[in-house]
Amino acid sequence: MQIKFETQVNKIGSSVADFLGEKILILFDENAPTELSDYCLSITVNDVDNEIKVGDILQIGNNKYNITSVGDAVEKNLTSLGHITLKFDGSEDPELPGTLYLEDTEIHEINQGDIIRIYS
């Protein structure tokens, strides 16, 4: 297993659940604008160690999700802002540059303190 990115969920915004029906999670570092922070999982910014690719795994806590496509700006945005969108719709064509697309599945419960990891 090669870990490409790892961080922790520091805070769960009060409105994160609003997007679960659309199968979306938003990650942002602790410096997210106030009007956005309620909709985000607040994380610590860390470097991405290697290219994130289709077929890699995103793990949140004990739950694993297959990556189906990667927007062009995902790695840059994770490293600089800690800000990307996770979309669980199984898309194989990355429509938005700052979005990481994952298998079409239910998003399992996320807890403060959970580790988020991307690996191959």
PDB file of N, CA and C in Angstrom:
ATOM      1  N   MET A   1       0.844  -1.190   0.000  1.00  0.00           N
ATOM      2  CA  MET A   1       0.000   0.000   0.000  1.00  0.00           C
ATOM      3  C   MET A   1       0.885   1.248   0.000  1.00  0.00           C
ATOM      4  N   GLN A   2       0.651   2.116  -0.963  1.00  0.00           N
ATOM      5  CA  GLN A   2       1.384   3.384  -1.019  1.00  0.00           C
ATOM      6  C   GLN A   2       0.410   4.512  -0.675  1.00  0.00           C
ATOM      7  N   ILE A   3       0.639   5.170   0.462  1.00  0.00           N
ATOM      8  CA  ILE A   3      -0.224   6.276   0.876  1.00  0.00           C
ATOM      9  C   ILE A   3       0.188   7.528   0.102  1.00  0.00           C
ATOM     10  N   LYS A   4      -0.779   8.144  -0.572  1.00  0.00           N
ATOM     11  CA  LYS A   4      -0.524   9.329  -1.387  1.00  0.00           C
ATOM     12  C   LYS A   4      -0.944  10.612  -0.682  1.00  0.00           C
ATOM     13  N   PHE A   5      -1.924  10.503   0.200  1.00  0.00           N
ATOM     14  CA  PHE A   5      -2.411  11.670   0.942  1.00  0.00           C
ATOM     15  C   PHE A   5      -3.044  11.177   2.226  1.00  0.00           C
ATOM     16  N   GLU A   6      -2.823  11.942   3.302  1.00  0.00           N
ATOM     17  CA  GLU A   6      -3.438  11.577   4.580  1.00  0.00           C
ATOM     18  C   GLU A   6      -3.704  12.845   5.380  1.00  0.00           C
ATOM     19  N   THR A   7      -4.873  12.906   5.986  1.00  0.00           N
ATOM     20  CA  THR A   7      -5.249  14.027   6.833  1.00  0.00           C
ATOM     21  C   THR A   7      -6.285  13.543   7.833  1.00  0.00           C
ATOM     22  N   GLN A   8      -6.794  14.478   8.625  1.00  0.00           N
ATOM     23  CA  GLN A   8      -7.769  14.127   9.668  1.00  0.00           C
ATOM     24  C   GLN A   8      -8.962  15.060   9.571  1.00  0.00           C
ATOM     25  N   VAL A   9     -10.143  14.537   9.891  1.00  0.00           N
ATOM     26  CA  VAL A   9     -11.349  15.359   9.984  1.00  0.00           C
ATOM     27  C   VAL A   9     -11.294  16.077  11.336  1.00  0.00           C
ATOM     28  N   ASN A  10     -11.060  17.397  11.292  1.00  0.00           N
ATOM     29  CA  ASN A  10     -10.954  18.170  12.529  1.00  0.00           C
ATOM     30  C   ASN A  10     -12.302  18.672  13.025  1.00  0.00           C
ATOM     31  N   LYS A  11     -13.212  18.926  12.092  1.00  0.00           N
ATOM     32  CA  LYS A  11     -14.524  19.455  12.448  1.00  0.00           C
ATOM     33  C   LYS A  11     -15.492  19.112  11.325  1.00  0.00           C
ATOM     34  N   ILE A  12     -16.730  18.840  11.697  1.00  0.00           N
ATOM     35  CA  ILE A  12     -17.775  18.559  10.718  1.00  0.00           C
ATOM     36  C   ILE A  12     -18.754  19.724  10.747  1.00  0.00           C
ATOM     37  N   GLY A  13     -18.871  20.433   9.631  1.00  0.00           N
ATOM     38  CA  GLY A  13     -19.767  21.581   9.557  1.00  0.00           C
ATOM     39  C   GLY A  13     -21.210  21.184   9.837  1.00  0.00           C
ATOM     40  N   SER A  14     -21.974  22.123  10.395  1.00  0.00           N
ATOM     41  CA  SER A  14     -23.348  21.833  10.817  1.00  0.00           C
ATOM     42  C   SER A  14     -24.278  21.490   9.653  1.00  0.00           C
ATOM     43  N   SER A  15     -23.904  21.873   8.423  1.00  0.00           N
ATOM     44  CA  SER A  15     -24.773  21.620   7.267  1.00  0.00           C
ATOM     45  C   SER A  15     -24.215  20.571   6.299  1.00  0.00           C
ATOM     46  N   VAL A  16     -23.193  19.823   6.723  1.00  0.00           N
ATOM     47  CA  VAL A  16     -22.596  18.792   5.860  1.00  0.00           C
ATOM     48  C   VAL A  16     -23.667  17.804   5.388  1.00  0.00           C
ATOM     49  N   ALA A  17     -24.577  17.449   6.261  1.00  0.00           N
ATOM     50  CA  ALA A  17     -25.613  16.458   5.925  1.00  0.00           C
ATOM     51  C   ALA A  17     -26.521  16.925   4.789  1.00  0.00           C
ATOM     52  N   ASP A  18     -26.599  18.248   4.553  1.00  0.00           N
ATOM     53  CA  ASP A  18     -27.445  18.778   3.478  1.00  0.00           C
ATOM     54  C   ASP A  18     -27.054  18.236   2.110  1.00  0.00           C
ATOM     55  N   PHE A  19     -25.761  17.902   1.938  1.00  0.00           N
ATOM     56  CA  PHE A  19     -25.275  17.445   0.639  1.00  0.00           C
ATOM     57  C   PHE A  19     -25.223  15.918   0.510  1.00  0.00           C
ATOM     58  N   LEU A  20     -25.480  15.204   1.599  1.00  0.00           N
ATOM     59  CA  LEU A  20     -25.368  13.745   1.536  1.00  0.00           C
ATOM     60  C   LEU A  20     -26.366  13.145   0.548  1.00  0.00           C
ATOM     61  N   GLY A  21     -27.542  13.722   0.434  1.00  0.00           N
ATOM     62  CA  GLY A  21     -28.531  13.236  -0.523  1.00  0.00           C
ATOM     63  C   GLY A  21     -28.065  13.368  -1.962  1.00  0.00           C
ATOM     64  N   GLU A  22     -27.174  14.353  -2.205  1.00  0.00           N
ATOM     65  CA  GLU A  22     -26.593  14.544  -3.536  1.00  0.00           C
ATOM     66  C   GLU A  22     -25.277  13.778  -3.694  1.00  0.00           C
ATOM     67  N   LYS A  23     -24.947  13.003  -2.651  1.00  0.00           N
ATOM     68  CA  LYS A  23     -23.719  12.192  -2.641  1.00  0.00           C
ATOM     69  C   LYS A  23     -22.467  13.052  -2.790  1.00  0.00           C
ATOM     70  N   ILE A  24     -22.432  14.152  -2.043  1.00  0.00           N
ATOM     71  CA  ILE A  24     -21.302  15.085  -2.105  1.00  0.00           C
ATOM     72  C   ILE A  24     -20.784  15.358  -0.696  1.00  0.00           C
ATOM     73  N   LEU A  25     -19.444  15.383  -0.571  1.00  0.00           N
ATOM     74  CA  LEU A  25     -18.763  15.876   0.624  1.00  0.00           C
ATOM     75  C   LEU A  25     -17.767  16.943   0.159  1.00  0.00           C
ATOM     76  N   ILE A  26     -17.616  17.986   0.953  1.00  0.00           N
ATOM     77  CA  ILE A  26     -16.675  19.047   0.618  1.00  0.00           C
ATOM     78  C   ILE A  26     -15.604  19.088   1.696  1.00  0.00           C
ATOM     79  N   LEU A  27     -14.347  19.059   1.261  1.00  0.00           N
ATOM     80  CA  LEU A  27     -13.217  19.177   2.184  1.00  0.00           C
ATOM     81  C   LEU A  27     -12.641  20.583   2.071  1.00  0.00           C
ATOM     82  N   PHE A  28     -12.251  21.157   3.203  1.00  0.00           N
ATOM     83  CA  PHE A  28     -11.605  22.470   3.205  1.00  0.00           C
ATOM     84  C   PHE A  28     -10.741  22.545   4.448  1.00  0.00           C
ATOM     85  N   ASP A  29      -9.619  23.273   4.376  1.00  0.00           N
ATOM     86  CA  ASP A  29      -8.786  23.413   5.569  1.00  0.00           C
ATOM     87  C   ASP A  29      -9.492  24.322   6.580  1.00  0.00           C
ATOM     88  N   GLU A  30      -8.831  24.547   7.707  1.00  0.00           N
ATOM     89  CA  GLU A  30      -9.446  25.326   8.789  1.00  0.00           C
ATOM     90  C   GLU A  30      -9.689  26.781   8.410  1.00  0.00           C
ATOM     91  N   ASN A  31      -9.094  27.253   7.315  1.00  0.00           N
ATOM     92  CA  ASN A  31      -9.245  28.646   6.898  1.00  0.00           C
ATOM     93  C   ASN A  31     -10.376  28.852   5.898  1.00  0.00           C
ATOM     94  N   ALA A  32     -11.296  27.929   5.821  1.00  0.00           N
ATOM     95  CA  ALA A  32     -12.436  28.065   4.907  1.00  0.00           C
ATOM     96  C   ALA A  32     -13.202  29.339   5.254  1.00  0.00           C
ATOM     97  N   PRO A  33     -13.704  30.038   4.229  1.00  0.00           N
ATOM     98  CA  PRO A  33     -14.543  31.209   4.510  1.00  0.00           C
ATOM     99  C   PRO A  33     -15.724  30.813   5.394  1.00  0.00           C
ATOM    100  N   THR A  34     -16.087  31.687   6.320  1.00  0.00           N
ATOM    101  CA  THR A  34     -17.138  31.392   7.298  1.00  0.00           C
ATOM    102  C   THR A  34     -18.417  30.895   6.640  1.00  0.00           C
ATOM    103  N   GLU A  35     -18.810  31.519   5.527  1.00  0.00           N
ATOM    104  CA  GLU A  35     -20.066  31.139   4.882  1.00  0.00           C
ATOM    105  C   GLU A  35     -19.997  29.745   4.265  1.00  0.00           C
ATOM    106  N   LEU A  36     -18.789  29.187   4.082  1.00  0.00           N
ATOM    107  CA  LEU A  36     -18.630  27.845   3.525  1.00  0.00           C
ATOM    108  C   LEU A  36     -18.372  26.784   4.587  1.00  0.00           C
ATOM    109  N   SER A  37     -17.794  27.180   5.705  1.00  0.00           N
ATOM    110  CA  SER A  37     -17.313  26.189   6.683  1.00  0.00           C
ATOM    111  C   SER A  37     -18.427  25.283   7.223  1.00  0.00           C
ATOM    112  N   ASP A  38     -19.665  25.775   7.277  1.00  0.00           N
ATOM    113  CA  ASP A  38     -20.774  24.938   7.767  1.00  0.00           C
ATOM    114  C   ASP A  38     -21.054  23.755   6.838  1.00  0.00           C
ATOM    115  N   TYR A  39     -20.625  23.864   5.575  1.00  0.00           N
ATOM    116  CA  TYR A  39     -20.908  22.822   4.576  1.00  0.00           C
ATOM    117  C   TYR A  39     -19.716  21.890   4.353  1.00  0.00           C
ATOM    118  N   CYS A  40     -18.657  22.072   5.131  1.00  0.00           N
ATOM    119  CA  CYS A  40     -17.398  21.359   4.861  1.00  0.00           C
ATOM    120  C   CYS A  40     -16.978  20.440   6.006  1.00  0.00           C
ATOM    121  N   LEU A  41     -16.177  19.447   5.619  1.00  0.00           N
ATOM    122  CA  LEU A  41     -15.380  18.706   6.588  1.00  0.00           C
ATOM    123  C   LEU A  41     -14.078  19.477   6.685  1.00  0.00           C
ATOM    124  N   SER A  42     -13.772  19.991   7.848  1.00  0.00           N
ATOM    125  CA  SER A  42     -12.547  20.760   8.053  1.00  0.00           C
ATOM    126  C   SER A  42     -11.382  19.791   8.251  1.00  0.00           C
ATOM    127  N   ILE A  43     -10.333  19.968   7.438  1.00  0.00           N
ATOM    128  CA  ILE A  43      -9.171  19.068   7.486  1.00  0.00           C
ATOM    129  C   ILE A  43      -7.880  19.865   7.644  1.00  0.00           C
ATOM    130  N   THR A  44      -6.804  19.166   7.930  1.00  0.00           N
ATOM    131  CA  THR A  44      -5.472  19.740   7.960  1.00  0.00           C
ATOM    132  C   THR A  44      -4.868  19.607   6.567  1.00  0.00           C
ATOM    133  N   VAL A  45      -4.265  20.680   6.058  1.00  0.00           N
ATOM    134  CA  VAL A  45      -3.630  20.634   4.738  1.00  0.00           C
ATOM    135  C   VAL A  45      -2.330  19.849   4.840  1.00  0.00           C
ATOM    136  N   ASN A  46      -2.175  18.882   3.936  1.00  0.00           N
ATOM    137  CA  ASN A  46      -0.939  18.106   3.827  1.00  0.00           C
ATOM    138  C   ASN A  46      -0.604  17.961   2.358  1.00  0.00           C
ATOM    139  N   ASP A  47       0.662  17.660   2.073  1.00  0.00           N
ATOM    140  CA  ASP A  47       1.078  17.469   0.686  1.00  0.00           C
ATOM    141  C   ASP A  47       0.553  16.150   0.134  1.00  0.00           C
ATOM    142  N   VAL A  48       0.346  16.137  -1.175  1.00  0.00           N
ATOM    143  CA  VAL A  48       0.026  14.909  -1.895  1.00  0.00           C
ATOM    144  C   VAL A  48       1.370  14.323  -2.319  1.00  0.00           C
ATOM    145  N   ASP A  49       1.624  13.051  -1.973  1.00  0.00           N
ATOM    146  CA  ASP A  49       2.932  12.443  -2.204  1.00  0.00           C
ATOM    147  C   ASP A  49       3.125  11.843  -3.589  1.00  0.00           C
ATOM    148  N   ASN A  50       2.056  11.551  -4.293  1.00  0.00           N
ATOM    149  CA  ASN A  50       2.172  10.928  -5.599  1.00  0.00           C
ATOM    150  C   ASN A  50       0.887  11.207  -6.358  1.00  0.00           C
ATOM    151  N   GLU A  51       0.888  10.985  -7.650  1.00  0.00           N
ATOM    152  CA  GLU A  51      -0.291  11.260  -8.461  1.00  0.00           C
ATOM    153  C   GLU A  51      -1.481  10.407  -8.028  1.00  0.00           C
ATOM    154  N   ILE A  52      -2.615  11.064  -7.831  1.00  0.00           N
ATOM    155  CA  ILE A  52      -3.854  10.353  -7.499  1.00  0.00           C
ATOM    156  C   ILE A  52      -4.452   9.870  -8.813  1.00  0.00           C
ATOM    157  N   LYS A  53      -4.768   8.575  -8.880  1.00  0.00           N
ATOM    158  CA  LYS A  53      -5.208   7.970 -10.139  1.00  0.00           C
ATOM    159  C   LYS A  53      -6.502   7.185  -9.966  1.00  0.00           C
ATOM    160  N   VAL A  54      -7.175   6.956 -11.105  1.00  0.00           N
ATOM    161  CA  VAL A  54      -8.326   6.072 -11.150  1.00  0.00           C
ATOM    162  C   VAL A  54      -7.883   4.703 -10.639  1.00  0.00           C
ATOM    163  N   GLY A  55      -8.694   4.103  -9.789  1.00  0.00           N
ATOM    164  CA  GLY A  55      -8.350   2.803  -9.218  1.00  0.00           C
ATOM    165  C   GLY A  55      -7.745   2.904  -7.828  1.00  0.00           C
ATOM    166  N   ASP A  56      -7.286   4.115  -7.441  1.00  0.00           N
ATOM    167  CA  ASP A  56      -6.824   4.311  -6.067  1.00  0.00           C
ATOM    168  C   ASP A  56      -8.022   4.225  -5.124  1.00  0.00           C
ATOM    169  N   ILE A  57      -7.740   4.170  -3.842  1.00  0.00           N
ATOM    170  CA  ILE A  57      -8.778   4.058  -2.816  1.00  0.00           C
ATOM    171  C   ILE A  57      -8.780   5.317  -1.949  1.00  0.00           C
ATOM    172  N   LEU A  58      -9.973   5.841  -1.688  1.00  0.00           N
ATOM    173  CA  LEU A  58     -10.155   6.887  -0.690  1.00  0.00           C
ATOM    174  C   LEU A  58     -10.746   6.207   0.530  1.00  0.00           C
ATOM    175  N   GLN A  59     -10.110   6.373   1.674  1.00  0.00           N
ATOM    176  CA  GLN A  59     -10.608   5.779   2.912  1.00  0.00           C
ATOM    177  C   GLN A  59     -10.938   6.898   3.887  1.00  0.00           C
ATOM    178  N   ILE A  60     -12.135   6.844   4.464  1.00  0.00           N
ATOM    179  CA  ILE A  60     -12.546   7.773   5.514  1.00  0.00           C
ATOM    180  C   ILE A  60     -12.917   6.919   6.713  1.00  0.00           C
ATOM    181  N   GLY A  61     -12.150   7.036   7.781  1.00  0.00           N
ATOM    182  CA  GLY A  61     -12.355   6.132   8.921  1.00  0.00           C
ATOM    183  C   GLY A  61     -12.092   4.716   8.458  1.00  0.00           C
ATOM    184  N   ASN A  62     -13.067   3.813   8.646  1.00  0.00           N
ATOM    185  CA  ASN A  62     -12.899   2.421   8.211  1.00  0.00           C
ATOM    186  C   ASN A  62     -13.549   2.131   6.867  1.00  0.00           C
ATOM    187  N   ASN A  63     -14.125   3.157   6.232  1.00  0.00           N
ATOM    188  CA  ASN A  63     -14.866   2.959   4.987  1.00  0.00           C
ATOM    189  C   ASN A  63     -14.005   3.295   3.777  1.00  0.00           C
ATOM    190  N   LYS A  64     -14.037   2.404   2.780  1.00  0.00           N
ATOM    191  CA  LYS A  64     -13.196   2.534   1.587  1.00  0.00           C
ATOM    192  C   LYS A  64     -14.072   2.741   0.362  1.00  0.00           C
ATOM    193  N   TYR A  65     -13.601   3.637  -0.519  1.00  0.00           N
ATOM    194  CA  TYR A  65     -14.327   3.962  -1.746  1.00  0.00           C
ATOM    195  C   TYR A  65     -13.344   3.971  -2.917  1.00  0.00           C
ATOM    196  N   ASN A  66     -13.741   3.374  -4.040  1.00  0.00           N
ATOM    197  CA  ASN A  66     -12.896   3.349  -5.236  1.00  0.00           C
ATOM    198  C   ASN A  66     -12.978   4.685  -5.963  1.00  0.00           C
ATOM    199  N   ILE A  67     -11.827   5.189  -6.401  1.00  0.00           N
ATOM    200  CA  ILE A  67     -11.766   6.437  -7.174  1.00  0.00           C
ATOM    201  C   ILE A  67     -12.042   6.101  -8.636  1.00  0.00           C
ATOM    202  N   THR A  68     -13.042   6.788  -9.231  1.00  0.00           N
ATOM    203  CA  THR A  68     -13.434   6.510 -10.615  1.00  0.00           C
ATOM    204  C   THR A  68     -12.914   7.558 -11.605  1.00  0.00           C
ATOM    205  N   SER A  69     -12.661   8.787 -11.155  1.00  0.00           N
ATOM    206  CA  SER A  69     -12.001   9.800 -11.987  1.00  0.00           C
ATOM    207  C   SER A  69     -11.492  10.929 -11.096  1.00  0.00           C
ATOM    208  N   VAL A  70     -10.522  11.686 -11.632  1.00  0.00           N
ATOM    209  CA  VAL A  70      -9.809  12.702 -10.856  1.00  0.00           C
ATOM    210  C   VAL A  70      -9.782  14.004 -11.650  1.00  0.00           C
ATOM    211  N   GLY A  71     -10.357  15.071 -11.092  1.00  0.00           N
ATOM    212  CA  GLY A  71     -10.295  16.383 -11.732  1.00  0.00           C
ATOM    213  C   GLY A  71      -8.867  16.898 -11.789  1.00  0.00           C
ATOM    214  N   ASP A  72      -8.574  17.727 -12.800  1.00  0.00           N
ATOM    215  CA  ASP A  72      -7.210  18.225 -13.045  1.00  0.00           C
ATOM    216  C   ASP A  72      -6.603  18.991 -11.869  1.00  0.00           C
ATOM    217  N   ALA A  73      -7.430  19.624 -11.042  1.00  0.00           N
ATOM    218  CA  ALA A  73      -6.905  20.481  -9.968  1.00  0.00           C
ATOM    219  C   ALA A  73      -6.946  19.824  -8.587  1.00  0.00           C
ATOM    220  N   VAL A  74      -7.326  18.561  -8.510  1.00  0.00           N
ATOM    221  CA  VAL A  74      -7.490  17.909  -7.203  1.00  0.00           C
ATOM    222  C   VAL A  74      -6.205  17.950  -6.380  1.00  0.00           C
ATOM    223  N   GLU A  75      -5.085  17.520  -6.946  1.00  0.00           N
ATOM    224  CA  GLU A  75      -3.837  17.457  -6.179  1.00  0.00           C
ATOM    225  C   GLU A  75      -3.375  18.850  -5.754  1.00  0.00           C
ATOM    226  N   LYS A  76      -3.414  19.814  -6.682  1.00  0.00           N
ATOM    227  CA  LYS A  76      -2.992  21.185  -6.376  1.00  0.00           C
ATOM    228  C   LYS A  76      -3.875  21.780  -5.282  1.00  0.00           C
ATOM    229  N   ASN A  77      -5.188  21.585  -5.392  1.00  0.00           N
ATOM    230  CA  ASN A  77      -6.109  22.161  -4.408  1.00  0.00           C
ATOM    231  C   ASN A  77      -5.976  21.508  -3.038  1.00  0.00           C
ATOM    232  N   LEU A  78      -5.747  20.204  -3.002  1.00  0.00           N
ATOM    233  CA  LEU A  78      -5.550  19.524  -1.706  1.00  0.00           C
ATOM    234  C   LEU A  78      -4.309  20.070  -1.006  1.00  0.00           C
ATOM    235  N   THR A  79      -3.230  20.255  -1.765  1.00  0.00           N
ATOM    236  CA  THR A  79      -1.962  20.706  -1.190  1.00  0.00           C
ATOM    237  C   THR A  79      -2.015  22.179  -0.780  1.00  0.00           C
ATOM    238  N   SER A  80      -2.706  23.015  -1.560  1.00  0.00           N
ATOM    239  CA  SER A  80      -2.685  24.449  -1.274  1.00  0.00           C
ATOM    240  C   SER A  80      -3.823  24.901  -0.356  1.00  0.00           C
ATOM    241  N   LEU A  81      -5.024  24.388  -0.548  1.00  0.00           N
ATOM    242  CA  LEU A  81      -6.192  24.862   0.203  1.00  0.00           C
ATOM    243  C   LEU A  81      -6.846  23.785   1.056  1.00  0.00           C
ATOM    244  N   GLY A  82      -6.495  22.531   0.800  1.00  0.00           N
ATOM    245  CA  GLY A  82      -7.211  21.436   1.447  1.00  0.00           C
ATOM    246  C   GLY A  82      -8.657  21.382   0.974  1.00  0.00           C
ATOM    247  N   HIS A  83      -8.911  21.947  -0.221  1.00  0.00           N
ATOM    248  CA  HIS A  83     -10.288  22.111  -0.688  1.00  0.00           C
ATOM    249  C   HIS A  83     -10.547  21.329  -1.966  1.00  0.00           C
ATOM    250  N   ILE A  84     -11.336  20.258  -1.838  1.00  0.00           N
ATOM    251  CA  ILE A  84     -11.836  19.533  -3.002  1.00  0.00           C
ATOM    252  C   ILE A  84     -13.254  19.063  -2.679  1.00  0.00           C
ATOM    253  N   THR A  85     -13.959  18.678  -3.722  1.00  0.00           N
ATOM    254  CA  THR A  85     -15.276  18.075  -3.567  1.00  0.00           C
ATOM    255  C   THR A  85     -15.143  16.581  -3.820  1.00  0.00           C
ATOM    256  N   LEU A  86     -15.786  15.787  -2.988  1.00  0.00           N
ATOM    257  CA  LEU A  86     -15.860  14.342  -3.191  1.00  0.00           C
ATOM    258  C   LEU A  86     -17.261  14.052  -3.699  1.00  0.00           C
ATOM    259  N   LYS A  87     -17.357  13.457  -4.883  1.00  0.00           N
ATOM    260  CA  LYS A  87     -18.665  13.163  -5.458  1.00  0.00           C
ATOM    261  C   LYS A  87     -18.782  11.658  -5.674  1.00  0.00           C
ATOM    262  N   PHE A  88     -19.753  11.054  -5.024  1.00  0.00           N
ATOM    263  CA  PHE A  88     -19.933   9.603  -5.019  1.00  0.00           C
ATOM    264  C   PHE A  88     -20.962   9.204  -6.070  1.00  0.00           C
ATOM    265  N   ASP A  89     -20.644   9.459  -7.354  1.00  0.00           N
ATOM    266  CA  ASP A  89     -21.612   9.171  -8.422  1.00  0.00           C
ATOM    267  C   ASP A  89     -21.084   8.201  -9.473  1.00  0.00           C
ATOM    268  N   GLY A  90     -19.856   7.681  -9.285  1.00  0.00           N
ATOM    269  CA  GLY A  90     -19.292   6.708 -10.214  1.00  0.00           C
ATOM    270  C   GLY A  90     -18.856   7.279 -11.546  1.00  0.00           C
ATOM    271  N   SER A  91     -18.812   8.603 -11.666  1.00  0.00           N
ATOM    272  CA  SER A  91     -18.456   9.240 -12.935  1.00  0.00           C
ATOM    273  C   SER A  91     -17.033   8.863 -13.364  1.00  0.00           C
ATOM    274  N   GLU A  92     -16.886   8.546 -14.645  1.00  0.00           N
ATOM    275  CA  GLU A  92     -15.560   8.218 -15.188  1.00  0.00           C
ATOM    276  C   GLU A  92     -14.996   9.368 -16.008  1.00  0.00           C
ATOM    277  N   ASP A  93     -15.746  10.462 -16.093  1.00  0.00           N
ATOM    278  CA  ASP A  93     -15.326  11.642 -16.848  1.00  0.00           C
ATOM    279  C   ASP A  93     -15.358  12.836 -15.894  1.00  0.00           C
ATOM    280  N   PRO A  94     -14.178  13.328 -15.462  1.00  0.00           N
ATOM    281  CA  PRO A  94     -14.151  14.398 -14.457  1.00  0.00           C
ATOM    282  C   PRO A  94     -14.651  15.727 -15.026  1.00  0.00           C
ATOM    283  N   GLU A  95     -15.891  16.088 -14.713  1.00  0.00           N
ATOM    284  CA  GLU A  95     -16.485  17.314 -15.225  1.00  0.00           C
ATOM    285  C   GLU A  95     -15.873  18.559 -14.599  1.00  0.00           C
ATOM    286  N   LEU A  96     -15.588  18.517 -13.301  1.00  0.00           N
ATOM    287  CA  LEU A  96     -15.086  19.691 -12.583  1.00  0.00           C
ATOM    288  C   LEU A  96     -13.651  19.454 -12.129  1.00  0.00           C
ATOM    289  N   PRO A  97     -12.755  20.431 -12.318  1.00  0.00           N
ATOM    290  CA  PRO A  97     -11.334  20.227 -12.023  1.00  0.00           C
ATOM    291  C   PRO A  97     -11.017  19.972 -10.553  1.00  0.00           C
ATOM    292  N   GLY A  98     -11.826  20.502  -9.626  1.00  0.00           N
ATOM    293  CA  GLY A  98     -11.539  20.338  -8.202  1.00  0.00           C
ATOM    294  C   GLY A  98     -12.335  19.230  -7.546  1.00  0.00           C
ATOM    295  N   THR A  99     -12.804  18.276  -8.352  1.00  0.00           N
ATOM    296  CA  THR A  99     -13.633  17.202  -7.809  1.00  0.00           C
ATOM    297  C   THR A  99     -12.967  15.838  -7.983  1.00  0.00           C
ATOM    298  N   LEU A 100     -13.027  15.046  -6.922  1.00  0.00           N
ATOM    299  CA  LEU A 100     -12.571  13.662  -6.934  1.00  0.00           C
ATOM    300  C   LEU A 100     -13.828  12.801  -6.986  1.00  0.00           C
ATOM    301  N   TYR A 101     -13.945  11.996  -8.037  1.00  0.00           N
ATOM    302  CA  TYR A 101     -15.140  11.181  -8.251  1.00  0.00           C
ATOM    303  C   TYR A 101     -14.910   9.772  -7.721  1.00  0.00           C
ATOM    304  N   LEU A 102     -15.931   9.273  -7.018  1.00  0.00           N
ATOM    305  CA  LEU A 102     -15.828   7.968  -6.379  1.00  0.00           C
ATOM    306  C   LEU A 102     -16.996   7.095  -6.791  1.00  0.00           C
ATOM    307  N   GLU A 103     -16.865   5.811  -6.491  1.00  0.00           N
ATOM    308  CA  GLU A 103     -17.920   4.865  -6.861  1.00  0.00           C
ATOM    309  C   GLU A 103     -19.279   5.350  -6.368  1.00  0.00           C
ATOM    310  N   ASP A 104     -20.306   4.983  -7.099  1.00  0.00           N
ATOM    311  CA  ASP A 104     -21.680   5.361  -6.768  1.00  0.00           C
ATOM    312  C   ASP A 104     -22.145   4.497  -5.608  1.00  0.00           C
ATOM    313  N   THR A 105     -22.097   5.061  -4.407  1.00  0.00           N
ATOM    314  CA  THR A 105     -22.425   4.293  -3.213  1.00  0.00           C
ATOM    315  C   THR A 105     -22.905   5.223  -2.114  1.00  0.00           C
ATOM    316  N   GLU A 106     -23.457   4.646  -1.080  1.00  0.00           N
ATOM    317  CA  GLU A 106     -23.875   5.411   0.094  1.00  0.00           C
ATOM    318  C   GLU A 106     -22.632   5.922   0.821  1.00  0.00           C
ATOM    319  N   ILE A 107     -22.714   7.143   1.321  1.00  0.00           N
ATOM    320  CA  ILE A 107     -21.623   7.694   2.129  1.00  0.00           C
ATOM    321  C   ILE A 107     -21.871   7.271   3.579  1.00  0.00           C
ATOM    322  N   HIS A 108     -20.929   6.551   4.142  1.00  0.00           N
ATOM    323  CA  HIS A 108     -21.074   6.071   5.516  1.00  0.00           C
ATOM    324  C   HIS A 108     -20.803   7.201   6.507  1.00  0.00           C
ATOM    325  N   GLU A 109     -21.236   7.003   7.727  1.00  0.00           N
ATOM    326  CA  GLU A 109     -21.087   8.025   8.768  1.00  0.00           C
ATOM    327  C   GLU A 109     -19.629   8.449   8.915  1.00  0.00           C
ATOM    328  N   ILE A 110     -19.454   9.746   9.092  1.00  0.00           N
ATOM    329  CA  ILE A 110     -18.125  10.327   9.276  1.00  0.00           C
ATOM    330  C   ILE A 110     -18.087  10.964  10.660  1.00  0.00           C
ATOM    331  N   ASN A 111     -16.986  10.762  11.350  1.00  0.00           N
ATOM    332  CA  ASN A 111     -16.844  11.286  12.703  1.00  0.00           C
ATOM    333  C   ASN A 111     -15.642  12.211  12.799  1.00  0.00           C
ATOM    334  N   GLN A 112     -15.748  13.179  13.694  1.00  0.00           N
ATOM    335  CA  GLN A 112     -14.593  14.032  13.973  1.00  0.00           C
ATOM    336  C   GLN A 112     -13.448  13.144  14.444  1.00  0.00           C
ATOM    337  N   GLY A 113     -12.254  13.399  13.926  1.00  0.00           N
ATOM    338  CA  GLY A 113     -11.093  12.582  14.266  1.00  0.00           C
ATOM    339  C   GLY A 113     -10.808  11.469  13.270  1.00  0.00           C
ATOM    340  N   ASP A 114     -11.763  11.176  12.380  1.00  0.00           N
ATOM    341  CA  ASP A 114     -11.517  10.152  11.354  1.00  0.00           C
ATOM    342  C   ASP A 114     -10.329  10.539  10.486  1.00  0.00           C
ATOM    343  N   ILE A 115      -9.564   9.538  10.086  1.00  0.00           N
ATOM    344  CA  ILE A 115      -8.441   9.760   9.161  1.00  0.00           C
ATOM    345  C   ILE A 115      -8.967   9.601   7.739  1.00  0.00           C
ATOM    346  N   ILE A 116      -8.582  10.551   6.885  1.00  0.00           N
ATOM    347  CA  ILE A 116      -8.867  10.462   5.450  1.00  0.00           C
ATOM    348  C   ILE A 116      -7.554  10.128   4.772  1.00  0.00           C
ATOM    349  N   ARG A 117      -7.588   9.090   3.942  1.00  0.00           N
ATOM    350  CA  ARG A 117      -6.353   8.592   3.321  1.00  0.00           C
ATOM    351  C   ARG A 117      -6.664   8.240   1.874  1.00  0.00           C
ATOM    352  N   ILE A 118      -5.726   8.573   0.991  1.00  0.00           N
ATOM    353  CA  ILE A 118      -5.806   8.122  -0.402  1.00  0.00           C
ATOM    354  C   ILE A 118      -4.577   7.262  -0.646  1.00  0.00           C
ATOM    355  N   TYR A 119      -4.795   6.074  -1.182  1.00  0.00           N
ATOM    356  CA  TYR A 119      -3.672   5.163  -1.410  1.00  0.00           C
ATOM    357  C   TYR A 119      -3.935   4.258  -2.603  1.00  0.00           C
ATOM    358  N   SER A 120      -2.825   3.655  -3.061  1.00  0.00           N
ATOM    359  CA  SER A 120      -2.947   2.683  -4.167  1.00  0.00           C
ATOM    360  C   SER A 120      -2.593   1.306  -3.644  1.00  0.00           C
TER     361      SER A 120
END
